[in-house]
C-alpha atoms as a PDB file:
ATOM      1  CA  MET A   1     -74.462 112.398  84.544  1.00  0.00           C
ATOM      2  CA  ASN A   2     -73.066 108.928  83.476  1.00  0.00           C
ATOM      3  CA  LYS A   3     -71.681 106.320  85.981  1.00  0.00           C
ATOM      4  CA  GLY A   4     -68.281 107.091  85.194  1.00  0.00           C
ATOM      5  CA  GLU A   5     -68.426 110.883  86.525  1.00  0.00           C
ATOM      6  CA  LEU A   6     -70.649 109.933  89.328  1.00  0.00           C
ATOM      7  CA  VAL A   7     -67.501 107.562  90.249  1.00  0.00           C
ATOM      8  CA  ASP A   8     -65.522 110.205  90.249  1.00  0.00           C
ATOM      9  CA  ALA A   9     -67.850 112.657  91.899  1.00  0.00           C
ATOM     10  CA  VAL A  10     -68.087 110.122  94.978  1.00  0.00           C
ATOM     11  CA  ALA A  11     -64.633 109.473  94.714  1.00  0.00           C
ATOM     12  CA  SER A  12     -63.276 113.206  94.907  1.00  0.00           C
ATOM     13  CA  LYS A  13     -66.189 113.752  98.131  1.00  0.00           C
ATOM     14  CA  THR A  14     -64.781 110.559  99.880  1.00  0.00           C
ATOM     15  CA  GLU A  15     -61.135 110.247  99.585  1.00  0.00           C
ATOM     16  CA  ILE A  16     -61.708 106.330  98.438  1.00  0.00           C
ATOM     17  CA  SER A  17     -59.785 104.859  95.466  1.00  0.00           C
ATOM     18  CA  LYS A  18     -62.378 104.881  92.057  1.00  0.00           C
ATOM     19  CA  LYS A  19     -61.826 101.647  91.696  1.00  0.00           C
ATOM     20  CA  ASN A  20     -63.335 101.001  95.056  1.00  0.00           C
ATOM     21  CA  VAL A  21     -65.940 103.278  94.671  1.00  0.00           C
ATOM     22  CA  GLU A  22     -67.064 101.725  90.610  1.00  0.00           C
ATOM     23  CA  ALA A  23     -66.929  98.763  92.967  1.00  0.00           C
ATOM     24  CA  VAL A  24     -69.670  99.858  95.586  1.00  0.00           C
ATOM     25  CA  ILE A  25     -71.794 101.509  93.129  1.00  0.00           C
ATOM     26  CA  SER A  26     -72.275  98.495  90.716  1.00  0.00           C
ATOM     27  CA  ALA A  27     -72.924  96.613  93.954  1.00  0.00           C
ATOM     28  CA  ALA A  28     -75.171  98.465  95.178  1.00  0.00           C
ATOM     29  CA  VAL A  29     -76.757  98.840  91.875  1.00  0.00           C
ATOM     30  CA  GLU A  30     -76.904  95.467  91.291  1.00  0.00           C
ATOM     31  CA  VAL A  31     -78.378  94.342  94.616  1.00  0.00           C
ATOM     32  CA  ILE A  32     -81.086  97.011  94.367  1.00  0.00           C
ATOM     33  CA  ILE A  33     -82.037  95.366  90.738  1.00  0.00           C
ATOM     34  CA  ASP A  34     -81.985  91.756  91.862  1.00  0.00           C
ATOM     35  CA  ALA A  35     -84.110  92.984  95.270  1.00  0.00           C
ATOM     36  CA  VAL A  36     -86.700  94.367  93.217  1.00  0.00           C
ATOM     37  CA  ALA A  37     -87.148  91.801  90.475  1.00  0.00           C
ATOM     38  CA  GLU A  38     -87.634  89.445  93.384  1.00  0.00           C
ATOM     39  CA  GLY A  39     -90.567  91.492  94.802  1.00  0.00           C
ATOM     40  CA  ASP A  40     -89.162  93.482  97.329  1.00  0.00           C
ATOM     41  CA  ARG A  41     -89.474  97.411  97.862  1.00  0.00           C
ATOM     42  CA  VAL A  42     -85.732  98.729  98.567  1.00  0.00           C
ATOM     43  CA  THR A  43     -85.928 101.996 100.692  1.00  0.00           C
ATOM     44  CA  LEU A  44     -82.996 104.654 100.924  1.00  0.00           C
ATOM     45  CA  VAL A  45     -84.240 107.221 103.409  1.00  0.00           C
ATOM     46  CA  GLY A  46     -84.038 111.153 101.912  1.00  0.00           C
ATOM     47  CA  PHE A  47     -83.357 109.485  98.091  1.00  0.00           C
ATOM     48  CA  GLY A  48     -86.374 107.154  97.863  1.00  0.00           C
ATOM     49  CA  SER A  49     -87.774 104.139  96.932  1.00  0.00           C
ATOM     50  CA  PHE A  50     -87.652 101.268  94.016  1.00  0.00           C
ATOM     51  CA  GLU A  51     -90.122  98.522  93.953  1.00  0.00           C
ATOM     52  CA  PRO A  52     -92.240  96.599  91.628  1.00  0.00           C
ATOM     53  CA  ARG A  53     -95.353  97.627  90.479  1.00  0.00           C
ATOM     54  CA  ILE A  54     -97.937  95.556  88.231  1.00  0.00           C
ATOM     55  CA  ARG A  55     -98.804  97.324  85.334  1.00  0.00           C
ATOM     56  CA  GLN A  56    -103.076  96.249  84.616  1.00  0.00           C
ATOM     57  CA  GLU A  57    -103.954  94.804  81.278  1.00  0.00           C
ATOM     58  CA  ARG A  58    -105.309  97.163  79.170  1.00  0.00           C
ATOM     59  CA  GLU A  59    -106.686  97.841  75.696  1.00  0.00           C
ATOM     60  CA  GLY A  60    -103.983  99.439  72.973  1.00  0.00           C
ATOM     61  CA  ARG A  61    -103.860 100.234  69.781  1.00  0.00           C
ATOM     62  CA  ASN A  62    -101.507  98.579  67.027  1.00  0.00           C
ATOM     63  CA  PRO A  63     -99.768 101.757  65.847  1.00  0.00           C
ATOM     64  CA  ARG A  64     -99.273 100.401  62.219  1.00  0.00           C
ATOM     65  CA  THR A  65    -102.555  99.452  61.800  1.00  0.00           C
ATOM     66  CA  GLY A  66    -105.323 101.017  64.229  1.00  0.00           C
ATOM     67  CA  GLU A  67    -106.648  97.439  64.934  1.00  0.00           C
ATOM     68  CA  LYS A  68    -107.442  97.036  68.608  1.00  0.00           C
ATOM     69  CA  MET A  69    -105.343  94.899  71.095  1.00  0.00           C
ATOM     70  CA  ILE A  70    -105.168  93.728  74.166  1.00  0.00           C
ATOM     71  CA  ILE A  71    -101.922  94.462  76.290  1.00  0.00           C
ATOM     72  CA  PRO A  72    -101.443  91.895  78.911  1.00  0.00           C
ATOM     73  CA  GLU A  73    -100.435  92.527  82.185  1.00  0.00           C
ATOM     74  CA  THR A  74     -97.151  93.003  83.092  1.00  0.00           C
ATOM     75  CA  LYS A  75     -94.518  93.890  86.173  1.00  0.00           C
ATOM     76  CA  VAL A  76     -92.339  97.085  86.150  1.00  0.00           C
ATOM     77  CA  PRO A  77     -89.812  98.786  87.824  1.00  0.00           C
ATOM     78  CA  ALA A  78     -90.832 102.177  89.644  1.00  0.00           C
ATOM     79  CA  PHE A  79     -88.785 104.820  91.797  1.00  0.00           C
ATOM     80  CA  SER A  80     -90.668 107.449  94.178  1.00  0.00           C
ATOM     81  CA  ALA A  81     -88.473 110.575  94.837  1.00  0.00           C
ATOM     82  CA  GLY A  82     -88.073 110.911  98.899  1.00  0.00           C
ATOM     83  CA  LYS A  83     -88.801 114.125 100.498  1.00  0.00           C
ATOM     84  CA  VAL A  84     -85.475 115.094 100.709  1.00  0.00           C
ATOM     85  CA  PHE A  85     -84.587 114.513  97.128  1.00  0.00           C
ATOM     86  CA  LYS A  86     -87.856 116.639  96.169  1.00  0.00           C
ATOM     87  CA  ASP A  87     -87.318 119.423  98.200  1.00  0.00           C
ATOM     88  CA  ARG A  88     -83.749 119.596  96.843  1.00  0.00           C
ATOM     89  CA  VAL A  89     -85.028 119.545  93.230  1.00  0.00           C
ATOM     90  CA  LEU A  90     -87.454 121.991  93.327  1.00  0.00           C
ATOM     91  CA  GLY A  91     -84.691 124.460  95.180  1.00  0.00           C
ATOM     92  CA  GLU A  92     -85.514 123.812  99.053  1.00  0.00           C
ATOM     93  CA  GLU A  93     -83.552 123.416 101.946  1.00  0.00           C
ATOM     94  CA  GLY A  94     -84.443 120.026 103.596  1.00  0.00           C
ATOM     95  CA  GLU A  95     -85.257 120.462 106.932  1.00  0.00           C
ATOM     96  CA  ASP A  96     -82.988 117.655 108.492  1.00  0.00           C
END
């Protein structure tokens, strides 16, 4: 499912115009990205959590030459699915 298909699905479930749904989804994604970029954790109960994580410095190899190199520490975005989301994917009914 891409963004356009998501907009269509939400619009049909809520009877809100596609234009308004698209604006809300875009704004929500932007707010989540901004919050995580600033170091905050965003939790959507039943869905999951977005947070920044630090990937520690580590030793790697240049795939072209095989030469050892140090890969620097970096901050990466991470998502952890919530229980309801995990249960639905597993085909189990949530206890809500």
